[in-house]
């Protein structure tokens, strides 16, 4: 499933320091658009009944059943997108069975979220 790099984990943990609810976790979501690209989202949320719950780099990650196949074998990183501009990116891991299209991932190339 999805994993976080050490840098992404650190940035998420820093953001979580400002949260008032210790039950919140990082939710990652994906939806395939009509043109085949992925619409991706992330934010803090409470667990729901059928969520996949996993831990990576000290961060609890929630993924709904609908998003699970679209996020399979992706890595969430935090990197310099362009000089002086940092952000989260999703990339296909070496174990990915195929290429996604558009959105924040696909074919091993980074896309920003």
C-alpha atoms as a PDB file:
ATOM      1  CA  UNK A   1       0.000   0.000   0.000  1.00  0.00           C
ATOM      2  CA  UNK A   2       1.050   3.610   0.357  1.00  0.00           C
ATOM      3  CA  UNK A   3       4.134   4.607   2.319  1.00  0.00           C
ATOM      4  CA  UNK A   4       5.630   7.913   3.434  1.00  0.00           C
ATOM      5  CA  UNK A   5       9.241   8.948   3.155  1.00  0.00           C
ATOM      6  CA  UNK A   6      10.977  10.114   6.324  1.00  0.00           C
ATOM      7  CA  UNK A   7      10.737  13.722   5.092  1.00  0.00           C
ATOM      8  CA  UNK A   8       7.003  13.465   4.388  1.00  0.00           C
ATOM      9  CA  UNK A   9       6.412  11.832   7.762  1.00  0.00           C
ATOM     10  CA  UNK A  10       8.257  14.641   9.499  1.00  0.00           C
ATOM     11  CA  UNK A  11       6.236  17.339   7.697  1.00  0.00           C
ATOM     12  CA  UNK A  12       2.927  15.620   8.509  1.00  0.00           C
ATOM     13  CA  UNK A  13       3.891  15.227  12.176  1.00  0.00           C
ATOM     14  CA  UNK A  14       4.785  18.948  12.327  1.00  0.00           C
ATOM     15  CA  UNK A  15       1.376  19.847  10.851  1.00  0.00           C
ATOM     16  CA  UNK A  16      -0.343  17.554  13.357  1.00  0.00           C
ATOM     17  CA  UNK A  17       1.115  19.526  16.280  1.00  0.00           C
ATOM     18  CA  UNK A  18      -1.447  22.260  15.588  1.00  0.00           C
ATOM     19  CA  UNK A  19      -4.431  19.877  15.730  1.00  0.00           C
ATOM     20  CA  UNK A  20      -6.728  19.937  18.738  1.00  0.00           C
ATOM     21  CA  UNK A  21      -7.958  16.347  18.271  1.00  0.00           C
ATOM     22  CA  UNK A  22      -5.489  13.525  18.923  1.00  0.00           C
ATOM     23  CA  UNK A  23      -7.844  11.052  17.169  1.00  0.00           C
ATOM     24  CA  UNK A  24      -7.263  12.681  13.770  1.00  0.00           C
ATOM     25  CA  UNK A  25      -5.084  10.898  11.218  1.00  0.00           C
ATOM     26  CA  UNK A  26      -3.838  11.659   7.701  1.00  0.00           C
ATOM     27  CA  UNK A  27      -6.447  10.753   5.086  1.00  0.00           C
ATOM     28  CA  UNK A  28      -5.330  10.167   1.500  1.00  0.00           C
ATOM     29  CA  UNK A  29      -7.975   9.961  -1.212  1.00  0.00           C
ATOM     30  CA  UNK A  30      -8.022   9.417  -4.964  1.00  0.00           C
ATOM     31  CA  UNK A  31     -10.700   9.454  -7.637  1.00  0.00           C
ATOM     32  CA  UNK A  32     -10.303   8.684 -11.318  1.00  0.00           C
ATOM     33  CA  UNK A  33     -11.520  11.526 -13.530  1.00  0.00           C
ATOM     34  CA  UNK A  34     -13.326  11.102 -16.862  1.00  0.00           C
ATOM     35  CA  UNK A  35     -10.096  11.830 -18.745  1.00  0.00           C
ATOM     36  CA  UNK A  36      -8.258   9.080 -16.820  1.00  0.00           C
ATOM     37  CA  UNK A  37      -6.287  11.433 -14.574  1.00  0.00           C
ATOM     38  CA  UNK A  38      -6.387  11.141 -10.816  1.00  0.00           C
ATOM     39  CA  UNK A  39      -7.863  13.732  -8.519  1.00  0.00           C
ATOM     40  CA  UNK A  40      -5.977  13.422  -5.252  1.00  0.00           C
ATOM     41  CA  UNK A  41      -6.591  14.829  -1.833  1.00  0.00           C
ATOM     42  CA  UNK A  42      -5.123  14.723   1.625  1.00  0.00           C
ATOM     43  CA  UNK A  43      -6.074  16.138   4.970  1.00  0.00           C
ATOM     44  CA  UNK A  44      -6.730  15.241   8.576  1.00  0.00           C
ATOM     45  CA  UNK A  45      -9.792  13.170   9.396  1.00  0.00           C
ATOM     46  CA  UNK A  46     -11.279  10.681  11.828  1.00  0.00           C
ATOM     47  CA  UNK A  47     -11.226   6.960  10.981  1.00  0.00           C
ATOM     48  CA  UNK A  48     -14.342   5.510   9.351  1.00  0.00           C
ATOM     49  CA  UNK A  49     -15.726   1.980   9.537  1.00  0.00           C
ATOM     50  CA  UNK A  50     -14.205   0.429   6.390  1.00  0.00           C
ATOM     51  CA  UNK A  51     -11.005   2.487   6.126  1.00  0.00           C
ATOM     52  CA  UNK A  52      -7.672   0.861   5.604  1.00  0.00           C
ATOM     53  CA  UNK A  53      -5.577   2.111   8.520  1.00  0.00           C
ATOM     54  CA  UNK A  54      -1.818   1.843   8.306  1.00  0.00           C
ATOM     55  CA  UNK A  55       1.240   3.405   9.892  1.00  0.00           C
ATOM     56  CA  UNK A  56       4.217   4.777   8.023  1.00  0.00           C
ATOM     57  CA  UNK A  57       7.019   6.936   9.443  1.00  0.00           C
ATOM     58  CA  UNK A  58       5.090   7.461  12.676  1.00  0.00           C
ATOM     59  CA  UNK A  59       1.964   8.706  10.891  1.00  0.00           C
ATOM     60  CA  UNK A  60      -1.401   6.928  10.916  1.00  0.00           C
ATOM     61  CA  UNK A  61      -2.764   6.941   7.344  1.00  0.00           C
ATOM     62  CA  UNK A  62      -6.432   6.387   6.443  1.00  0.00           C
ATOM     63  CA  UNK A  63      -7.586   5.250   2.992  1.00  0.00           C
ATOM     64  CA  UNK A  64     -11.196   4.523   1.999  1.00  0.00           C
ATOM     65  CA  UNK A  65     -11.994   1.288   0.140  1.00  0.00           C
ATOM     66  CA  UNK A  66     -12.714   3.270  -3.055  1.00  0.00           C
ATOM     67  CA  UNK A  67      -9.293   4.965  -2.995  1.00  0.00           C
ATOM     68  CA  UNK A  68      -7.252   1.885  -2.058  1.00  0.00           C
ATOM     69  CA  UNK A  69      -6.673   0.479  -5.578  1.00  0.00           C
ATOM     70  CA  UNK A  70      -5.802   3.933  -6.951  1.00  0.00           C
ATOM     71  CA  UNK A  71      -3.164   4.527  -4.258  1.00  0.00           C
ATOM     72  CA  UNK A  72      -1.637   1.040  -4.389  1.00  0.00           C
ATOM     73  CA  UNK A  73       2.175   1.071  -4.153  1.00  0.00           C
ATOM     74  CA  UNK A  74       2.565   4.844  -4.090  1.00  0.00           C
ATOM     75  CA  UNK A  75       5.032   6.787  -1.978  1.00  0.00           C
ATOM     76  CA  UNK A  76       4.179  10.165  -0.430  1.00  0.00           C
ATOM     77  CA  UNK A  77       7.235  12.410  -0.329  1.00  0.00           C
ATOM     78  CA  UNK A  78       7.900  16.039   0.556  1.00  0.00           C
ATOM     79  CA  UNK A  79      10.300  17.606  -1.916  1.00  0.00           C
ATOM     80  CA  UNK A  80      11.374  20.770  -3.679  1.00  0.00           C
ATOM     81  CA  UNK A  81       8.981  21.067  -6.608  1.00  0.00           C
ATOM     82  CA  UNK A  82      10.736  24.087  -8.083  1.00  0.00           C
ATOM     83  CA  UNK A  83      13.455  26.315  -6.649  1.00  0.00           C
ATOM     84  CA  UNK A  84      12.328  27.511  -3.234  1.00  0.00           C
ATOM     85  CA  UNK A  85       8.892  25.804  -3.429  1.00  0.00           C
ATOM     86  CA  UNK A  86       8.323  22.637  -1.432  1.00  0.00           C
ATOM     87  CA  UNK A  87       5.277  20.385  -1.339  1.00  0.00           C
ATOM     88  CA  UNK A  88       3.963  16.869  -1.103  1.00  0.00           C
ATOM     89  CA  UNK A  89       4.347  14.612  -4.129  1.00  0.00           C
ATOM     90  CA  UNK A  90       3.111  11.098  -4.857  1.00  0.00           C
ATOM     91  CA  UNK A  91       5.340   8.821  -6.888  1.00  0.00           C
ATOM     92  CA  UNK A  92       4.986   5.217  -8.006  1.00  0.00           C
ATOM     93  CA  UNK A  93       7.221   2.888  -6.034  1.00  0.00           C
ATOM     94  CA  UNK A  94       9.445   0.301  -7.708  1.00  0.00           C
ATOM     95  CA  UNK A  95       6.816  -2.276  -6.722  1.00  0.00           C
ATOM     96  CA  UNK A  96       3.995  -0.531  -8.578  1.00  0.00           C
ATOM     97  CA  UNK A  97       2.237  -2.911 -10.982  1.00  0.00           C
ATOM     98  CA  UNK A  98       1.629  -0.219 -13.601  1.00  0.00           C
ATOM     99  CA  UNK A  99       1.421   3.454 -14.366  1.00  0.00           C
ATOM    100  CA  UNK A 100      -1.219   5.812 -13.139  1.00  0.00           C
ATOM    101  CA  UNK A 101      -2.096   8.778 -15.257  1.00  0.00           C
ATOM    102  CA  UNK A 102      -2.098  12.433 -14.422  1.00  0.00           C
ATOM    103  CA  UNK A 103      -2.670  13.691 -10.909  1.00  0.00           C
ATOM    104  CA  UNK A 104       0.188  13.381  -8.453  1.00  0.00           C
ATOM    105  CA  UNK A 105       1.712  10.171  -9.708  1.00  0.00           C
ATOM    106  CA  UNK A 106       2.129   7.973 -12.679  1.00  0.00           C
ATOM    107  CA  UNK A 107       4.904   6.164 -14.433  1.00  0.00           C
ATOM    108  CA  UNK A 108       7.406   6.895 -11.676  1.00  0.00           C
ATOM    109  CA  UNK A 109       7.431  10.627 -12.278  1.00  0.00           C
ATOM    110  CA  UNK A 110       6.626  12.965  -9.441  1.00  0.00           C
ATOM    111  CA  UNK A 111       3.537  15.102  -9.526  1.00  0.00           C
ATOM    112  CA  UNK A 112       2.754  17.666  -6.885  1.00  0.00           C
ATOM    113  CA  UNK A 113      -0.293  17.627  -4.638  1.00  0.00           C
END
